[in-house]
Amino acid sequence: MVELDSESNVLQRGDAAPSFELPGADGETYALADFADDSALLVVFTCNHCPYAKAKIPELNRLSEEYDDLAVVGINPNDAEAYPDDSFERMRELVADGTVGYDAYLYDEDQSVAAAYGARCTPDPFLFDNDDGTFRLAYHGRLDDAPNPDDEPSEREMAGHVETLLAGGELTATEKPSRGCSIKWKVDNEPAYWNQ
C-alpha cells in the first residue's frame, strides 16, 4: 500500500467542477448535471479495497442521509485489472447489499475524471457549492480528523463544512489533506501532475 496525502494543485477554490458522465453501480449513468438541483456536491475518489477508503464508507453514507441538499458521489478510478477487488462488479455488490449508500457510486474506467480533478488518493474528497447552476470548489480535504483507518475521529470536519455551505456561508477553513492509498493508475496512464 502506498500512502499519500491529497494536495490541491489541479483544482483551486472557486474552480468549476470538471464535467463527467460515468456508469453507476446501480445500473444508471450519471452526469454532473444530474445533481444540479442540489445545493452542494461532495465528489469523493474512493475504491473498494483500500483500508482508508473502507473506513470512510459509514461517514459518506451518513453525510448522504443527513443532508437532503447535498449529493454524495463516490468515484472509483482504480485499475481493476491490477486490483480485482476494485472491479465494477464488486462495486455493484457493495451497492446491492447496502454497504455503500451514497447518492451514486461511479466507475471511472479510463481514469480521465480522476485526472481532471487532480485526485491523488482514496479517499480524496472535493466539496462543491452550487453557484447558480455551476458547481464551484469550496473545499478539498479530509472527511474527519482520524489519521488512520482504525482511529476514531473526534471531529466530523466535512459535515461542518457542508453545514456552513448549506447555511449560505463561505468556507474559509484551511484545507487539511486527506490521507489514503494512492490512486492505482493503469500503466503509462499517470497524469502530468502525478510526479510533481
N, C-alpha and C. Protein backbone atom coordinates (compact mmCIF):
# COMPACT_ATOMS: atom_id res chain seq x y z
N MET A 1 0.85 -1.19 0.00
CA MET A 1 0.00 0.00 0.00
C MET A 1 0.88 1.24 0.00
N VAL A 2 0.65 2.13 -0.92
CA VAL A 2 1.35 3.41 -0.94
C VAL A 2 0.42 4.45 -0.33
N GLU A 3 0.87 5.09 0.74
CA GLU A 3 0.04 6.08 1.43
C GLU A 3 0.40 7.47 0.94
N LEU A 4 -0.61 8.24 0.60
CA LEU A 4 -0.39 9.60 0.12
C LEU A 4 -1.34 10.56 0.81
N ASP A 5 -0.94 11.82 0.86
CA ASP A 5 -1.86 12.88 1.26
C ASP A 5 -2.31 13.60 -0.01
N SER A 6 -3.57 14.03 -0.01
CA SER A 6 -4.07 14.78 -1.16
C SER A 6 -3.49 16.18 -1.15
N GLU A 7 -3.28 16.73 -2.31
CA GLU A 7 -2.79 18.10 -2.45
C GLU A 7 -3.60 18.80 -3.53
N SER A 8 -3.84 20.10 -3.34
CA SER A 8 -4.58 20.86 -4.34
C SER A 8 -3.60 21.51 -5.32
N ASN A 9 -3.37 20.85 -6.45
CA ASN A 9 -2.53 21.51 -7.44
C ASN A 9 -3.13 21.42 -8.84
N VAL A 10 -4.40 20.99 -8.92
CA VAL A 10 -5.12 20.99 -10.20
C VAL A 10 -6.32 21.91 -10.07
N LEU A 11 -7.23 21.60 -9.17
CA LEU A 11 -8.38 22.46 -8.91
C LEU A 11 -8.10 23.37 -7.72
N GLN A 12 -8.45 24.63 -7.87
CA GLN A 12 -8.33 25.59 -6.77
C GLN A 12 -9.73 26.03 -6.34
N ARG A 13 -9.83 26.58 -5.14
CA ARG A 13 -11.13 27.08 -4.66
C ARG A 13 -11.72 28.05 -5.67
N GLY A 14 -13.00 27.84 -5.94
CA GLY A 14 -13.69 28.69 -6.90
C GLY A 14 -13.72 28.11 -8.30
N ASP A 15 -12.87 27.12 -8.59
CA ASP A 15 -12.87 26.49 -9.91
C ASP A 15 -14.14 25.66 -10.11
N ALA A 16 -14.61 25.64 -11.35
CA ALA A 16 -15.79 24.83 -11.68
C ALA A 16 -15.43 23.35 -11.69
N ALA A 17 -16.38 22.52 -11.27
CA ALA A 17 -16.17 21.07 -11.28
C ALA A 17 -16.06 20.58 -12.71
N PRO A 18 -15.05 19.79 -13.03
CA PRO A 18 -14.98 19.18 -14.36
C PRO A 18 -16.20 18.27 -14.59
N SER A 19 -16.72 18.31 -15.80
CA SER A 19 -17.91 17.51 -16.09
C SER A 19 -17.53 16.03 -16.18
N PHE A 20 -18.53 15.19 -16.03
CA PHE A 20 -18.32 13.75 -16.17
C PHE A 20 -19.63 13.10 -16.59
N GLU A 21 -19.52 11.93 -17.16
CA GLU A 21 -20.66 11.06 -17.43
C GLU A 21 -20.14 9.63 -17.28
N LEU A 22 -20.57 8.98 -16.21
CA LEU A 22 -19.99 7.70 -15.82
C LEU A 22 -21.07 6.70 -15.44
N PRO A 23 -20.78 5.41 -15.63
CA PRO A 23 -21.73 4.38 -15.22
C PRO A 23 -21.76 4.23 -13.70
N GLY A 24 -22.97 4.07 -13.17
CA GLY A 24 -23.14 3.88 -11.75
C GLY A 24 -23.32 2.42 -11.40
N ALA A 25 -22.96 2.08 -10.16
CA ALA A 25 -23.07 0.70 -9.71
C ALA A 25 -24.52 0.25 -9.56
N ASP A 26 -25.45 1.19 -9.65
CA ASP A 26 -26.88 0.85 -9.57
C ASP A 26 -27.49 0.61 -10.95
N GLY A 27 -26.67 0.65 -12.00
CA GLY A 27 -27.16 0.39 -13.35
C GLY A 27 -27.52 1.64 -14.13
N GLU A 28 -27.50 2.79 -13.47
CA GLU A 28 -27.79 4.06 -14.14
C GLU A 28 -26.49 4.73 -14.59
N THR A 29 -26.61 5.71 -15.48
CA THR A 29 -25.48 6.54 -15.88
C THR A 29 -25.69 7.92 -15.29
N TYR A 30 -24.63 8.51 -14.75
CA TYR A 30 -24.74 9.80 -14.08
C TYR A 30 -23.80 10.81 -14.71
N ALA A 31 -24.32 12.03 -14.86
CA ALA A 31 -23.52 13.16 -15.32
C ALA A 31 -23.53 14.23 -14.23
N LEU A 32 -22.58 15.13 -14.28
CA LEU A 32 -22.52 16.21 -13.30
C LEU A 32 -23.84 16.97 -13.25
N ALA A 33 -24.44 17.19 -14.41
CA ALA A 33 -25.69 17.96 -14.50
C ALA A 33 -26.85 17.29 -13.76
N ASP A 34 -26.75 15.99 -13.52
CA ASP A 34 -27.83 15.29 -12.82
C ASP A 34 -27.98 15.74 -11.37
N PHE A 35 -26.99 16.44 -10.85
CA PHE A 35 -27.02 16.88 -9.46
C PHE A 35 -27.30 18.38 -9.33
N ALA A 36 -27.75 18.98 -10.42
CA ALA A 36 -27.94 20.43 -10.47
C ALA A 36 -28.96 20.95 -9.46
N ASP A 37 -29.88 20.10 -9.01
CA ASP A 37 -30.89 20.53 -8.04
C ASP A 37 -30.36 20.55 -6.61
N ASP A 38 -29.17 20.03 -6.41
CA ASP A 38 -28.59 20.00 -5.06
C ASP A 38 -27.79 21.29 -4.80
N SER A 39 -27.83 21.75 -3.56
CA SER A 39 -27.12 22.97 -3.20
C SER A 39 -25.62 22.75 -3.06
N ALA A 40 -25.23 21.51 -2.77
CA ALA A 40 -23.81 21.18 -2.62
C ALA A 40 -23.57 19.78 -3.14
N LEU A 41 -22.33 19.53 -3.55
CA LEU A 41 -21.94 18.25 -4.13
C LEU A 41 -20.61 17.83 -3.52
N LEU A 42 -20.57 16.62 -2.99
CA LEU A 42 -19.33 16.06 -2.46
C LEU A 42 -18.90 14.92 -3.38
N VAL A 43 -17.82 15.15 -4.13
CA VAL A 43 -17.25 14.14 -5.01
C VAL A 43 -16.06 13.53 -4.27
N VAL A 44 -16.10 12.21 -4.09
CA VAL A 44 -15.03 11.53 -3.36
C VAL A 44 -14.45 10.43 -4.23
N PHE A 45 -13.17 10.56 -4.56
CA PHE A 45 -12.49 9.49 -5.29
C PHE A 45 -12.14 8.42 -4.26
N THR A 46 -12.66 7.23 -4.49
CA THR A 46 -12.57 6.17 -3.50
C THR A 46 -12.50 4.83 -4.21
N CYS A 47 -12.52 3.75 -3.47
CA CYS A 47 -12.44 2.43 -4.08
C CYS A 47 -12.98 1.39 -3.12
N ASN A 48 -12.86 0.13 -3.49
CA ASN A 48 -13.40 -0.96 -2.68
C ASN A 48 -12.38 -1.58 -1.73
N HIS A 49 -11.09 -1.55 -2.09
CA HIS A 49 -10.13 -2.36 -1.34
C HIS A 49 -9.29 -1.59 -0.32
N CYS A 50 -9.07 -0.33 -0.51
CA CYS A 50 -8.17 0.45 0.35
C CYS A 50 -8.73 0.56 1.76
N PRO A 51 -7.94 0.23 2.80
CA PRO A 51 -8.47 0.32 4.17
C PRO A 51 -8.88 1.73 4.57
N TYR A 52 -8.20 2.75 4.04
CA TYR A 52 -8.59 4.13 4.34
C TYR A 52 -9.96 4.43 3.74
N ALA A 53 -10.17 4.01 2.49
CA ALA A 53 -11.45 4.24 1.82
C ALA A 53 -12.57 3.47 2.51
N LYS A 54 -12.31 2.21 2.86
CA LYS A 54 -13.33 1.39 3.51
C LYS A 54 -13.75 1.98 4.85
N ALA A 55 -12.78 2.57 5.56
CA ALA A 55 -13.07 3.14 6.87
C ALA A 55 -14.00 4.35 6.79
N LYS A 56 -14.05 5.00 5.63
CA LYS A 56 -14.87 6.22 5.49
C LYS A 56 -16.24 5.95 4.85
N ILE A 57 -16.53 4.70 4.47
CA ILE A 57 -17.84 4.40 3.90
C ILE A 57 -18.97 4.79 4.85
N PRO A 58 -18.91 4.44 6.14
CA PRO A 58 -20.00 4.83 7.04
C PRO A 58 -20.21 6.34 7.11
N GLU A 59 -19.11 7.12 7.11
CA GLU A 59 -19.26 8.58 7.17
C GLU A 59 -19.87 9.13 5.89
N LEU A 60 -19.48 8.58 4.74
CA LEU A 60 -20.08 9.04 3.48
C LEU A 60 -21.56 8.68 3.43
N ASN A 61 -21.92 7.49 3.91
CA ASN A 61 -23.34 7.12 3.97
C ASN A 61 -24.09 8.08 4.89
N ARG A 62 -23.48 8.41 6.01
CA ARG A 62 -24.11 9.30 6.98
C ARG A 62 -24.33 10.69 6.39
N LEU A 63 -23.32 11.22 5.71
CA LEU A 63 -23.45 12.53 5.07
C LEU A 63 -24.58 12.52 4.04
N SER A 64 -24.65 11.43 3.28
CA SER A 64 -25.69 11.31 2.25
C SER A 64 -27.08 11.29 2.88
N GLU A 65 -27.20 10.63 4.01
CA GLU A 65 -28.50 10.52 4.68
C GLU A 65 -28.90 11.80 5.40
N GLU A 66 -27.93 12.49 5.97
CA GLU A 66 -28.22 13.63 6.85
C GLU A 66 -28.64 14.90 6.11
N TYR A 67 -28.10 15.10 4.90
CA TYR A 67 -28.29 16.39 4.23
C TYR A 67 -29.04 16.20 2.91
N ASP A 68 -30.29 16.65 2.89
CA ASP A 68 -31.11 16.49 1.69
C ASP A 68 -30.59 17.33 0.52
N ASP A 69 -29.91 18.44 0.81
CA ASP A 69 -29.44 19.34 -0.25
C ASP A 69 -28.00 19.06 -0.67
N LEU A 70 -27.44 17.93 -0.19
CA LEU A 70 -26.09 17.52 -0.54
C LEU A 70 -26.14 16.21 -1.32
N ALA A 71 -25.47 16.18 -2.47
CA ALA A 71 -25.30 14.92 -3.21
C ALA A 71 -23.91 14.38 -2.89
N VAL A 72 -23.84 13.12 -2.51
CA VAL A 72 -22.57 12.46 -2.22
C VAL A 72 -22.30 11.46 -3.34
N VAL A 73 -21.22 11.69 -4.07
CA VAL A 73 -20.90 10.87 -5.24
C VAL A 73 -19.51 10.26 -5.07
N GLY A 74 -19.45 8.94 -4.98
CA GLY A 74 -18.18 8.24 -4.95
C GLY A 74 -17.77 7.88 -6.37
N ILE A 75 -16.49 8.04 -6.67
CA ILE A 75 -15.97 7.68 -8.00
C ILE A 75 -14.75 6.78 -7.80
N ASN A 76 -14.81 5.59 -8.38
CA ASN A 76 -13.71 4.64 -8.28
C ASN A 76 -12.89 4.69 -9.58
N PRO A 77 -11.64 5.19 -9.51
CA PRO A 77 -10.80 5.29 -10.70
C PRO A 77 -9.74 4.19 -10.82
N ASN A 78 -9.71 3.26 -9.87
CA ASN A 78 -8.57 2.34 -9.81
C ASN A 78 -8.54 1.32 -10.93
N ASP A 79 -7.34 0.89 -11.26
CA ASP A 79 -7.10 -0.14 -12.28
C ASP A 79 -7.57 -1.49 -11.74
N ALA A 80 -8.74 -1.94 -12.20
CA ALA A 80 -9.32 -3.18 -11.69
C ALA A 80 -8.60 -4.42 -12.20
N GLU A 81 -7.86 -4.27 -13.28
CA GLU A 81 -7.10 -5.42 -13.77
C GLU A 81 -5.97 -5.75 -12.80
N ALA A 82 -5.32 -4.72 -12.30
CA ALA A 82 -4.25 -4.92 -11.33
C ALA A 82 -4.78 -5.13 -9.91
N TYR A 83 -5.96 -4.57 -9.62
CA TYR A 83 -6.58 -4.66 -8.29
C TYR A 83 -8.01 -5.17 -8.45
N PRO A 84 -8.19 -6.49 -8.58
CA PRO A 84 -9.50 -7.06 -8.91
C PRO A 84 -10.62 -6.69 -7.94
N ASP A 85 -10.27 -6.42 -6.66
CA ASP A 85 -11.32 -6.08 -5.70
C ASP A 85 -11.92 -4.71 -5.99
N ASP A 86 -11.30 -3.93 -6.87
CA ASP A 86 -11.84 -2.63 -7.25
C ASP A 86 -12.66 -2.70 -8.54
N SER A 87 -13.08 -3.88 -8.91
CA SER A 87 -13.84 -4.06 -10.15
C SER A 87 -15.23 -3.43 -10.05
N PHE A 88 -15.80 -3.16 -11.21
CA PHE A 88 -17.15 -2.61 -11.28
C PHE A 88 -18.15 -3.61 -10.70
N GLU A 89 -17.92 -4.90 -10.93
CA GLU A 89 -18.81 -5.92 -10.38
C GLU A 89 -18.83 -5.88 -8.86
N ARG A 90 -17.66 -5.68 -8.25
CA ARG A 90 -17.60 -5.58 -6.79
C ARG A 90 -18.30 -4.31 -6.32
N MET A 91 -18.18 -3.23 -7.06
CA MET A 91 -18.91 -2.00 -6.73
C MET A 91 -20.41 -2.29 -6.70
N ARG A 92 -20.87 -3.01 -7.71
CA ARG A 92 -22.31 -3.33 -7.80
C ARG A 92 -22.76 -4.15 -6.60
N GLU A 93 -21.92 -5.07 -6.16
CA GLU A 93 -22.25 -5.89 -4.99
C GLU A 93 -22.38 -5.03 -3.74
N LEU A 94 -21.46 -4.08 -3.57
CA LEU A 94 -21.48 -3.23 -2.38
C LEU A 94 -22.69 -2.32 -2.34
N VAL A 95 -23.15 -1.88 -3.50
CA VAL A 95 -24.36 -1.07 -3.56
C VAL A 95 -25.59 -1.95 -3.34
N ALA A 96 -25.60 -3.12 -3.97
CA ALA A 96 -26.76 -4.01 -3.87
C ALA A 96 -26.98 -4.51 -2.44
N ASP A 97 -25.90 -4.76 -1.70
CA ASP A 97 -26.08 -5.28 -0.34
C ASP A 97 -26.22 -4.18 0.71
N GLY A 98 -26.20 -2.91 0.26
CA GLY A 98 -26.43 -1.79 1.17
C GLY A 98 -25.19 -1.29 1.87
N THR A 99 -24.02 -1.87 1.61
CA THR A 99 -22.78 -1.38 2.24
C THR A 99 -22.52 0.06 1.85
N VAL A 100 -22.66 0.36 0.56
CA VAL A 100 -22.49 1.72 0.04
C VAL A 100 -23.87 2.31 -0.22
N GLY A 101 -24.14 3.44 0.42
CA GLY A 101 -25.44 4.08 0.27
C GLY A 101 -25.35 5.52 -0.20
N TYR A 102 -24.26 5.87 -0.92
CA TYR A 102 -24.14 7.24 -1.43
C TYR A 102 -25.22 7.49 -2.47
N ASP A 103 -25.35 8.75 -2.88
CA ASP A 103 -26.30 9.09 -3.94
C ASP A 103 -25.92 8.40 -5.25
N ALA A 104 -24.62 8.20 -5.47
CA ALA A 104 -24.15 7.48 -6.65
C ALA A 104 -22.74 6.97 -6.38
N TYR A 105 -22.45 5.78 -6.91
CA TYR A 105 -21.10 5.22 -6.86
C TYR A 105 -20.72 4.87 -8.29
N LEU A 106 -19.75 5.63 -8.84
CA LEU A 106 -19.48 5.62 -10.27
C LEU A 106 -18.11 5.01 -10.59
N TYR A 107 -18.00 4.49 -11.79
CA TYR A 107 -16.77 3.83 -12.23
C TYR A 107 -16.08 4.66 -13.30
N ASP A 108 -14.88 5.13 -12.99
CA ASP A 108 -14.06 5.94 -13.90
C ASP A 108 -13.03 5.02 -14.56
N GLU A 109 -13.49 4.19 -15.48
CA GLU A 109 -12.65 3.13 -16.02
C GLU A 109 -11.41 3.66 -16.74
N ASP A 110 -11.56 4.76 -17.51
CA ASP A 110 -10.39 5.28 -18.24
C ASP A 110 -9.59 6.28 -17.41
N GLN A 111 -10.04 6.54 -16.18
CA GLN A 111 -9.33 7.37 -15.21
C GLN A 111 -9.25 8.85 -15.59
N SER A 112 -10.00 9.26 -16.60
CA SER A 112 -9.92 10.65 -17.07
C SER A 112 -10.55 11.62 -16.08
N VAL A 113 -11.58 11.18 -15.36
CA VAL A 113 -12.24 12.08 -14.40
C VAL A 113 -11.33 12.32 -13.20
N ALA A 114 -10.71 11.27 -12.70
CA ALA A 114 -9.77 11.43 -11.58
C ALA A 114 -8.65 12.39 -11.96
N ALA A 115 -8.14 12.25 -13.18
CA ALA A 115 -7.07 13.13 -13.65
C ALA A 115 -7.55 14.58 -13.75
N ALA A 116 -8.78 14.77 -14.23
CA ALA A 116 -9.33 16.13 -14.38
C ALA A 116 -9.49 16.84 -13.04
N TYR A 117 -9.80 16.06 -12.00
CA TYR A 117 -9.98 16.63 -10.67
C TYR A 117 -8.66 16.76 -9.91
N GLY A 118 -7.64 16.06 -10.37
CA GLY A 118 -6.37 16.08 -9.65
C GLY A 118 -6.35 15.14 -8.46
N ALA A 119 -7.12 14.06 -8.53
CA ALA A 119 -7.20 13.11 -7.41
C ALA A 119 -5.86 12.42 -7.22
N ARG A 120 -5.52 12.18 -5.94
CA ARG A 120 -4.24 11.55 -5.61
C ARG A 120 -4.40 10.27 -4.79
N CYS A 121 -5.43 10.21 -3.95
CA CYS A 121 -5.53 9.09 -3.03
C CYS A 121 -6.99 8.67 -2.86
N THR A 122 -7.17 7.53 -2.21
CA THR A 122 -8.52 7.08 -1.88
C THR A 122 -8.61 6.96 -0.36
N PRO A 123 -9.49 7.77 0.27
CA PRO A 123 -10.45 8.69 -0.34
C PRO A 123 -9.84 10.09 -0.55
N ASP A 124 -10.32 10.76 -1.60
CA ASP A 124 -9.90 12.14 -1.88
C ASP A 124 -11.17 12.96 -2.13
N PRO A 125 -11.64 13.71 -1.11
CA PRO A 125 -12.93 14.42 -1.19
C PRO A 125 -12.81 15.86 -1.72
N PHE A 126 -13.75 16.21 -2.59
CA PHE A 126 -13.87 17.56 -3.16
C PHE A 126 -15.30 18.04 -2.90
N LEU A 127 -15.45 19.13 -2.16
CA LEU A 127 -16.77 19.68 -1.84
C LEU A 127 -17.03 20.90 -2.70
N PHE A 128 -18.17 20.88 -3.41
CA PHE A 128 -18.54 21.95 -4.33
C PHE A 128 -19.82 22.64 -3.87
N ASP A 129 -19.87 23.94 -4.10
CA ASP A 129 -21.06 24.76 -3.84
C ASP A 129 -21.75 25.03 -5.18
N ASN A 130 -23.07 24.92 -5.18
CA ASN A 130 -23.84 25.19 -6.40
C ASN A 130 -24.02 26.70 -6.54
N ASP A 131 -23.29 27.27 -7.48
CA ASP A 131 -23.31 28.71 -7.72
C ASP A 131 -24.13 28.99 -8.97
N ASP A 132 -25.44 29.12 -8.79
CA ASP A 132 -26.36 29.38 -9.91
C ASP A 132 -26.18 28.38 -11.05
N GLY A 133 -26.08 27.10 -10.68
CA GLY A 133 -26.01 26.05 -11.69
C GLY A 133 -24.61 25.58 -12.03
N THR A 134 -23.59 26.25 -11.49
CA THR A 134 -22.21 25.81 -11.68
C THR A 134 -21.65 25.38 -10.34
N PHE A 135 -21.19 24.15 -10.27
CA PHE A 135 -20.56 23.68 -9.03
C PHE A 135 -19.13 24.21 -8.96
N ARG A 136 -18.85 24.98 -7.89
CA ARG A 136 -17.52 25.56 -7.71
C ARG A 136 -16.87 24.98 -6.45
N LEU A 137 -15.58 24.68 -6.56
CA LEU A 137 -14.88 24.04 -5.46
C LEU A 137 -14.85 24.96 -4.24
N ALA A 138 -15.36 24.43 -3.13
CA ALA A 138 -15.37 25.18 -1.88
C ALA A 138 -14.32 24.65 -0.90
N TYR A 139 -14.03 23.35 -1.01
CA TYR A 139 -13.07 22.74 -0.07
C TYR A 139 -12.58 21.42 -0.63
N HIS A 140 -11.28 21.20 -0.56
CA HIS A 140 -10.66 19.93 -0.97
C HIS A 140 -9.86 19.44 0.22
N GLY A 141 -10.33 18.39 0.87
CA GLY A 141 -9.61 17.91 2.04
C GLY A 141 -10.34 16.77 2.73
N ARG A 142 -9.84 16.40 3.88
CA ARG A 142 -10.27 15.19 4.56
C ARG A 142 -11.70 15.27 5.08
N LEU A 143 -12.27 14.09 5.34
CA LEU A 143 -13.63 13.99 5.85
C LEU A 143 -13.69 14.23 7.36
N ASP A 144 -12.66 13.78 8.07
CA ASP A 144 -12.63 13.94 9.52
C ASP A 144 -11.18 13.93 9.98
N ASP A 145 -10.97 13.98 11.30
CA ASP A 145 -9.61 14.13 11.82
C ASP A 145 -8.97 12.81 12.23
N ALA A 146 -9.56 11.67 11.82
CA ALA A 146 -8.94 10.38 12.12
C ALA A 146 -7.83 10.11 11.09
N PRO A 147 -6.57 10.06 11.51
CA PRO A 147 -5.49 9.93 10.53
C PRO A 147 -5.32 8.53 9.94
N ASN A 148 -5.78 7.51 10.65
CA ASN A 148 -5.58 6.14 10.21
C ASN A 148 -6.90 5.37 10.20
N PRO A 149 -6.98 4.30 9.42
CA PRO A 149 -8.25 3.57 9.27
C PRO A 149 -8.86 3.09 10.58
N ASP A 150 -8.03 2.71 11.54
CA ASP A 150 -8.55 2.15 12.80
C ASP A 150 -8.83 3.21 13.86
N ASP A 151 -8.52 4.47 13.56
CA ASP A 151 -8.71 5.55 14.53
C ASP A 151 -10.16 6.05 14.51
N GLU A 152 -10.66 6.40 15.68
CA GLU A 152 -11.98 7.02 15.78
C GLU A 152 -11.82 8.53 15.65
N PRO A 153 -12.61 9.17 14.77
CA PRO A 153 -12.49 10.63 14.65
C PRO A 153 -13.09 11.34 15.86
N SER A 154 -12.51 12.49 16.19
CA SER A 154 -13.08 13.31 17.26
C SER A 154 -13.88 14.47 16.67
N GLU A 155 -13.69 14.73 15.35
CA GLU A 155 -14.42 15.82 14.70
C GLU A 155 -14.80 15.43 13.28
N ARG A 156 -16.08 15.59 12.96
CA ARG A 156 -16.58 15.34 11.61
C ARG A 156 -16.41 16.65 10.81
N GLU A 157 -15.21 16.87 10.33
CA GLU A 157 -14.87 18.16 9.72
C GLU A 157 -15.69 18.44 8.47
N MET A 158 -15.84 17.45 7.58
CA MET A 158 -16.58 17.68 6.34
C MET A 158 -18.04 18.01 6.63
N ALA A 159 -18.63 17.38 7.62
CA ALA A 159 -20.02 17.68 7.98
C ALA A 159 -20.15 19.16 8.36
N GLY A 160 -19.15 19.68 9.08
CA GLY A 160 -19.17 21.10 9.44
C GLY A 160 -19.07 21.99 8.22
N HIS A 161 -18.23 21.60 7.26
CA HIS A 161 -18.09 22.40 6.03
C HIS A 161 -19.39 22.37 5.23
N VAL A 162 -20.02 21.20 5.17
CA VAL A 162 -21.30 21.08 4.46
C VAL A 162 -22.35 21.98 5.10
N GLU A 163 -22.41 21.98 6.42
CA GLU A 163 -23.39 22.82 7.12
C GLU A 163 -23.15 24.30 6.84
N THR A 164 -21.89 24.70 6.82
CA THR A 164 -21.57 26.10 6.50
C THR A 164 -22.06 26.47 5.11
N LEU A 165 -21.79 25.60 4.14
CA LEU A 165 -22.22 25.86 2.76
C LEU A 165 -23.73 25.93 2.66
N LEU A 166 -24.41 24.95 3.24
CA LEU A 166 -25.87 24.89 3.12
C LEU A 166 -26.55 26.04 3.84
N ALA A 167 -25.85 26.64 4.81
CA ALA A 167 -26.39 27.81 5.51
C ALA A 167 -26.09 29.10 4.76
N GLY A 168 -25.42 28.98 3.61
CA GLY A 168 -25.11 30.17 2.80
C GLY A 168 -23.81 30.83 3.16
N GLY A 169 -23.01 30.19 4.01
CA GLY A 169 -21.74 30.77 4.41
C GLY A 169 -20.63 30.47 3.42
N GLU A 170 -19.51 31.16 3.61
CA GLU A 170 -18.33 30.94 2.77
C GLU A 170 -17.31 30.15 3.57
N LEU A 171 -16.72 29.15 2.92
CA LEU A 171 -15.72 28.33 3.60
C LEU A 171 -14.36 29.00 3.55
N THR A 172 -13.83 29.31 4.71
CA THR A 172 -12.51 29.93 4.79
C THR A 172 -11.51 29.04 5.52
N ALA A 173 -11.96 27.86 5.95
CA ALA A 173 -11.10 26.94 6.69
C ALA A 173 -9.90 26.53 5.85
N THR A 174 -8.76 26.39 6.50
CA THR A 174 -7.57 25.88 5.83
C THR A 174 -7.80 24.44 5.41
N GLU A 175 -7.44 24.12 4.19
CA GLU A 175 -7.64 22.76 3.70
C GLU A 175 -6.67 21.80 4.38
N LYS A 176 -7.21 20.72 4.93
CA LYS A 176 -6.40 19.70 5.58
C LYS A 176 -6.42 18.46 4.69
N PRO A 177 -5.25 18.04 4.19
CA PRO A 177 -5.23 16.95 3.20
C PRO A 177 -5.85 15.67 3.70
N SER A 178 -6.49 14.96 2.78
CA SER A 178 -6.96 13.62 3.06
C SER A 178 -5.76 12.68 2.98
N ARG A 179 -5.89 11.54 3.65
CA ARG A 179 -4.84 10.53 3.59
C ARG A 179 -5.44 9.22 3.12
N GLY A 180 -4.72 8.51 2.28
CA GLY A 180 -5.22 7.23 1.81
C GLY A 180 -4.24 6.52 0.92
N CYS A 181 -4.70 5.45 0.31
CA CYS A 181 -3.88 4.70 -0.65
C CYS A 181 -3.79 5.51 -1.94
N SER A 182 -2.67 5.37 -2.62
CA SER A 182 -2.50 6.09 -3.89
C SER A 182 -3.52 5.60 -4.91
N ILE A 183 -3.93 6.49 -5.82
CA ILE A 183 -4.74 6.08 -6.96
C ILE A 183 -3.93 5.03 -7.74
N LYS A 184 -4.59 3.96 -8.14
CA LYS A 184 -3.91 2.89 -8.88
C LYS A 184 -4.08 3.14 -10.38
N TRP A 185 -3.14 3.92 -10.94
CA TRP A 185 -3.20 4.27 -12.36
C TRP A 185 -2.84 3.07 -13.23
N LYS A 186 -3.45 2.99 -14.36
CA LYS A 186 -3.06 1.98 -15.35
C LYS A 186 -1.65 2.32 -15.85
N VAL A 187 -0.97 1.33 -16.38
CA VAL A 187 0.40 1.53 -16.87
C VAL A 187 0.45 2.67 -17.88
N ASP A 188 1.35 3.62 -17.64
CA ASP A 188 1.56 4.78 -18.51
C ASP A 188 0.35 5.71 -18.59
N ASN A 189 -0.54 5.63 -17.60
CA ASN A 189 -1.73 6.49 -17.61
C ASN A 189 -1.68 7.56 -16.52
N GLU A 190 -0.54 7.68 -15.83
CA GLU A 190 -0.44 8.68 -14.77
C GLU A 190 -0.56 10.08 -15.37
N PRO A 191 -1.36 10.94 -14.75
CA PRO A 191 -1.49 12.31 -15.27
C PRO A 191 -0.22 13.13 -15.02
N ALA A 192 -0.13 14.27 -15.68
CA ALA A 192 1.08 15.10 -15.62
C ALA A 192 1.39 15.53 -14.19
N TYR A 193 0.38 15.76 -13.36
CA TYR A 193 0.63 16.26 -12.00
C TYR A 193 1.14 15.18 -11.05
N TRP A 194 1.07 13.93 -11.45
CA TRP A 194 1.30 12.82 -10.53
C TRP A 194 2.69 12.85 -9.89
N ASN A 195 3.71 13.14 -10.66
CA ASN A 195 5.07 13.11 -10.13
C ASN A 195 5.62 14.48 -9.80
N GLN A 196 4.75 15.47 -9.75
CA GLN A 196 5.20 16.83 -9.43
C GLN A 196 5.46 16.97 -7.94
